[in-house]
Amino acid sequence: MPSAMPPPRPSQPLDTITKFTNCRLILNNRLVNTDLWISSSSGKIIQSQEAFYTHHTVPSVIIDLGGKILSPGFIDVQLNGAFGFDFSVIPEDGETGYEKRFGEVNRRIVKTGVTSYLPTLTSQRKEVYHTVSLQLRTPES
């Protein structure tokens, strides 16, 4: 059966393109209803018209956002804690409590727009650094 799309050239790796549709983006200080295409290999936004008409590429994944706003996530490069939990303080229930509260921060922080963060510790006794550093390396969440 003939295909509208030419077969991929062997020298070019297949790239998954994700199309976010029915979404709102901030462009020129305004919310605009539009679609957004993203390359999985580079993580970059690609021009849909160029991808389709010049490179004969179509999205392999389509996600309908139902009119929601799509925006980049924030990266917090110094977070001492959040939601009443200080990364520098080991709770009374010890390492288990620390792990639980650290996981809660991870689950809740994304709702604020922060998608990545660097947990930081304030000045403490040296044994606190050892205990906390082990917890920060291996969270369960």
C-alpha atoms as a PDB file:
ATOM      1  CA  MET A   1       0.000   0.000   0.000  1.00  0.00           C
ATOM      2  CA  PRO A   2       1.474   3.402  -0.898  1.00  0.00           C
ATOM      3  CA  SER A   3       2.232   5.857   1.859  1.00  0.00           C
ATOM      4  CA  ALA A   4       1.964   9.643   1.868  1.00  0.00           C
ATOM      5  CA  MET A   5       5.219   9.807   3.798  1.00  0.00           C
ATOM      6  CA  PRO A   6       8.548   8.820   2.244  1.00  0.00           C
ATOM      7  CA  PRO A   7      10.480   6.124   4.095  1.00  0.00           C
ATOM      8  CA  PRO A   8      13.113   7.434   6.534  1.00  0.00           C
ATOM      9  CA  ARG A   9      16.620   7.726   5.150  1.00  0.00           C
ATOM     10  CA  PRO A  10      18.984   5.233   6.838  1.00  0.00           C
ATOM     11  CA  SER A  11      21.453   8.018   7.649  1.00  0.00           C
ATOM     12  CA  GLN A  12      18.825   9.876   9.702  1.00  0.00           C
ATOM     13  CA  PRO A  13      17.721   8.407  13.036  1.00  0.00           C
ATOM     14  CA  LEU A  14      13.990   8.244  13.634  1.00  0.00           C
ATOM     15  CA  ASP A  15      12.852  11.075  15.881  1.00  0.00           C
ATOM     16  CA  THR A  16       9.727  10.995  17.980  1.00  0.00           C
ATOM     17  CA  ILE A  17       7.807  14.215  17.773  1.00  0.00           C
ATOM     18  CA  THR A  18       5.229  15.047  20.405  1.00  0.00           C
ATOM     19  CA  LYS A  19       2.440  17.418  19.463  1.00  0.00           C
ATOM     20  CA  PHE A  20       0.667  19.258  22.248  1.00  0.00           C
ATOM     21  CA  THR A  21      -2.673  20.352  20.879  1.00  0.00           C
ATOM     22  CA  ASN A  22      -5.552  22.409  22.243  1.00  0.00           C
ATOM     23  CA  CYS A  23      -3.173  24.305  24.517  1.00  0.00           C
ATOM     24  CA  ARG A  24      -2.464  27.907  25.387  1.00  0.00           C
ATOM     25  CA  LEU A  25       1.056  29.338  25.166  1.00  0.00           C
ATOM     26  CA  ILE A  26       2.447  32.678  26.241  1.00  0.00           C
ATOM     27  CA  LEU A  27       3.574  34.549  23.124  1.00  0.00           C
ATOM     28  CA  ASN A  28       4.328  38.275  23.120  1.00  0.00           C
ATOM     29  CA  ASN A  29       2.858  38.678  26.622  1.00  0.00           C
ATOM     30  CA  ARG A  30      -0.461  37.119  25.591  1.00  0.00           C
ATOM     31  CA  LEU A  31      -2.055  33.704  25.923  1.00  0.00           C
ATOM     32  CA  VAL A  32      -2.476  32.215  22.462  1.00  0.00           C
ATOM     33  CA  ASN A  33      -4.390  29.078  21.504  1.00  0.00           C
ATOM     34  CA  THR A  34      -2.010  27.012  19.379  1.00  0.00           C
ATOM     35  CA  ASP A  35      -0.226  23.695  19.020  1.00  0.00           C
ATOM     36  CA  LEU A  36       3.347  22.967  20.045  1.00  0.00           C
ATOM     37  CA  TRP A  37       5.661  20.352  18.505  1.00  0.00           C
ATOM     38  CA  ILE A  38       8.660  19.063  20.455  1.00  0.00           C
ATOM     39  CA  SER A  39      11.483  16.778  19.300  1.00  0.00           C
ATOM     40  CA  SER A  40      12.209  13.913  21.686  1.00  0.00           C
ATOM     41  CA  SER A  41      15.835  13.641  20.613  1.00  0.00           C
ATOM     42  CA  SER A  42      16.717  17.267  21.335  1.00  0.00           C
ATOM     43  CA  GLY A  43      13.908  18.331  23.671  1.00  0.00           C
ATOM     44  CA  LYS A  44      13.570  21.477  21.592  1.00  0.00           C
ATOM     45  CA  ILE A  45      10.507  23.114  20.142  1.00  0.00           C
ATOM     46  CA  ILE A  46      10.359  22.584  16.398  1.00  0.00           C
ATOM     47  CA  GLN A  47       8.532  24.528  13.701  1.00  0.00           C
ATOM     48  CA  SER A  48       5.542  22.411  12.727  1.00  0.00           C
ATOM     49  CA  GLN A  49       5.225  23.859   9.205  1.00  0.00           C
ATOM     50  CA  GLU A  50       8.877  23.200   8.404  1.00  0.00           C
ATOM     51  CA  ALA A  51       8.800  19.716   9.918  1.00  0.00           C
ATOM     52  CA  PHE A  52       5.716  18.747   7.948  1.00  0.00           C
ATOM     53  CA  TYR A  53       6.285  20.409   4.581  1.00  0.00           C
ATOM     54  CA  THR A  54      10.090  20.333   4.314  1.00  0.00           C
ATOM     55  CA  HIS A  55      11.021  17.197   6.236  1.00  0.00           C
ATOM     56  CA  HIS A  56       7.738  15.296   5.725  1.00  0.00           C
ATOM     57  CA  THR A  57       7.535  14.575   9.428  1.00  0.00           C
ATOM     58  CA  VAL A  58       4.388  14.109  11.468  1.00  0.00           C
ATOM     59  CA  PRO A  59       3.970  13.770  15.238  1.00  0.00           C
ATOM     60  CA  SER A  60       4.016  10.254  16.591  1.00  0.00           C
ATOM     61  CA  VAL A  61       2.470  11.303  19.910  1.00  0.00           C
ATOM     62  CA  ILE A  62      -0.426  13.749  20.238  1.00  0.00           C
ATOM     63  CA  ILE A  63      -1.469  15.077  23.633  1.00  0.00           C
ATOM     64  CA  ASP A  64      -4.663  17.099  23.950  1.00  0.00           C
ATOM     65  CA  LEU A  65      -4.296  19.564  26.841  1.00  0.00           C
ATOM     66  CA  GLY A  66      -7.942  20.577  26.842  1.00  0.00           C
ATOM     67  CA  GLY A  67      -7.224  24.310  26.746  1.00  0.00           C
ATOM     68  CA  LYS A  68      -4.699  24.286  29.601  1.00  0.00           C
ATOM     69  CA  ILE A  69      -1.660  26.570  29.687  1.00  0.00           C
ATOM     70  CA  LEU A  70       1.634  24.961  28.685  1.00  0.00           C
ATOM     71  CA  SER A  71       4.764  26.638  30.021  1.00  0.00           C
ATOM     72  CA  PRO A  72       8.347  25.727  30.869  1.00  0.00           C
ATOM     73  CA  GLY A  73       9.077  24.574  34.399  1.00  0.00           C
ATOM     74  CA  PHE A  74      11.149  26.536  36.866  1.00  0.00           C
ATOM     75  CA  ILE A  75      14.468  25.243  38.192  1.00  0.00           C
ATOM     76  CA  ASP A  76      15.199  26.290  41.771  1.00  0.00           C
ATOM     77  CA  VAL A  77      18.964  26.283  42.295  1.00  0.00           C
ATOM     78  CA  GLN A  78      18.829  26.761  46.068  1.00  0.00           C
ATOM     79  CA  LEU A  79      15.988  25.221  48.028  1.00  0.00           C
ATOM     80  CA  ASN A  80      16.507  24.854  51.789  1.00  0.00           C
ATOM     81  CA  GLY A  81      13.156  23.108  52.199  1.00  0.00           C
ATOM     82  CA  ALA A  82       9.478  23.564  51.502  1.00  0.00           C
ATOM     83  CA  PHE A  83       6.022  23.003  52.952  1.00  0.00           C
ATOM     84  CA  GLY A  84       7.252  23.216  56.546  1.00  0.00           C
ATOM     85  CA  PHE A  85      10.159  20.810  56.028  1.00  0.00           C
ATOM     86  CA  ASP A  86      13.763  21.999  56.341  1.00  0.00           C
ATOM     87  CA  PHE A  87      16.270  19.775  54.513  1.00  0.00           C
ATOM     88  CA  SER A  88      18.857  20.560  57.221  1.00  0.00           C
ATOM     89  CA  VAL A  89      16.783  19.219  60.113  1.00  0.00           C
ATOM     90  CA  ILE A  90      16.400  15.523  60.818  1.00  0.00           C
ATOM     91  CA  PRO A  91      12.878  14.960  62.200  1.00  0.00           C
ATOM     92  CA  GLU A  92      12.224  13.167  65.482  1.00  0.00           C
ATOM     93  CA  ASP A  93      11.203  10.002  63.641  1.00  0.00           C
ATOM     94  CA  GLY A  94      14.691   9.883  62.084  1.00  0.00           C
ATOM     95  CA  GLU A  95      15.646   8.831  58.598  1.00  0.00           C
ATOM     96  CA  THR A  96      12.260   7.277  57.837  1.00  0.00           C
ATOM     97  CA  GLY A  97      10.530  10.561  58.636  1.00  0.00           C
ATOM     98  CA  TYR A  98      13.111  12.465  56.623  1.00  0.00           C
ATOM     99  CA  GLU A  99      12.551  10.267  53.600  1.00  0.00           C
ATOM    100  CA  LYS A 100       8.767  10.636  53.903  1.00  0.00           C
ATOM    101  CA  ARG A 101       8.894  14.438  54.156  1.00  0.00           C
ATOM    102  CA  PHE A 102      11.457  14.722  51.361  1.00  0.00           C
ATOM    103  CA  GLY A 103       9.157  12.666  49.140  1.00  0.00           C
ATOM    104  CA  GLU A 104       6.254  14.940  50.047  1.00  0.00           C
ATOM    105  CA  VAL A 105       8.257  17.978  48.954  1.00  0.00           C
ATOM    106  CA  ASN A 106       8.984  16.246  45.639  1.00  0.00           C
ATOM    107  CA  ARG A 107       5.302  15.481  45.053  1.00  0.00           C
ATOM    108  CA  ARG A 108       4.018  18.932  46.053  1.00  0.00           C
ATOM    109  CA  ILE A 109       6.697  21.243  44.606  1.00  0.00           C
ATOM    110  CA  VAL A 110       5.748  20.512  41.001  1.00  0.00           C
ATOM    111  CA  LYS A 111       2.346  22.148  41.603  1.00  0.00           C
ATOM    112  CA  THR A 112       4.198  25.448  42.156  1.00  0.00           C
ATOM    113  CA  GLY A 113       5.805  25.311  38.691  1.00  0.00           C
ATOM    114  CA  VAL A 114       9.169  24.031  39.939  1.00  0.00           C
ATOM    115  CA  THR A 115      10.143  20.939  37.939  1.00  0.00           C
ATOM    116  CA  SER A 116      13.720  20.563  39.219  1.00  0.00           C
ATOM    117  CA  TYR A 117      15.603  21.805  42.252  1.00  0.00           C
ATOM    118  CA  LEU A 118      18.881  21.630  44.099  1.00  0.00           C
ATOM    119  CA  PRO A 119      18.277  20.776  47.758  1.00  0.00           C
ATOM    120  CA  THR A 120      20.616  22.817  49.940  1.00  0.00           C
ATOM    121  CA  LEU A 121      21.557  22.615  53.590  1.00  0.00           C
ATOM    122  CA  THR A 122      22.099  25.441  56.003  1.00  0.00           C
ATOM    123  CA  SER A 123      25.025  25.320  58.454  1.00  0.00           C
ATOM    124  CA  GLN A 124      24.697  22.321  60.778  1.00  0.00           C
ATOM    125  CA  ARG A 125      26.733  19.863  62.852  1.00  0.00           C
ATOM    126  CA  LYS A 126      28.840  17.528  60.682  1.00  0.00           C
ATOM    127  CA  GLU A 127      26.811  14.392  61.571  1.00  0.00           C
ATOM    128  CA  VAL A 128      23.709  16.059  60.121  1.00  0.00           C
ATOM    129  CA  TYR A 129      25.453  16.470  56.748  1.00  0.00           C
ATOM    130  CA  HIS A 130      26.322  12.775  56.621  1.00  0.00           C
ATOM    131  CA  THR A 131      22.802  11.586  57.476  1.00  0.00           C
ATOM    132  CA  VAL A 132      21.054  14.066  55.217  1.00  0.00           C
ATOM    133  CA  SER A 133      23.375  13.525  52.254  1.00  0.00           C
ATOM    134  CA  LEU A 134      22.533   9.806  52.286  1.00  0.00           C
ATOM    135  CA  GLN A 135      18.820  10.631  52.231  1.00  0.00           C
ATOM    136  CA  LEU A 136      19.152  13.180  49.450  1.00  0.00           C
ATOM    137  CA  ARG A 137      20.944  10.684  47.222  1.00  0.00           C
ATOM    138  CA  THR A 138      18.374   7.913  47.508  1.00  0.00           C
ATOM    139  CA  PRO A 139      14.836   9.252  47.935  1.00  0.00           C
ATOM    140  CA  GLU A 140      12.005   6.773  47.402  1.00  0.00           C
ATOM    141  CA  SER A 141       9.747   9.200  45.546  1.00  0.00           C
END
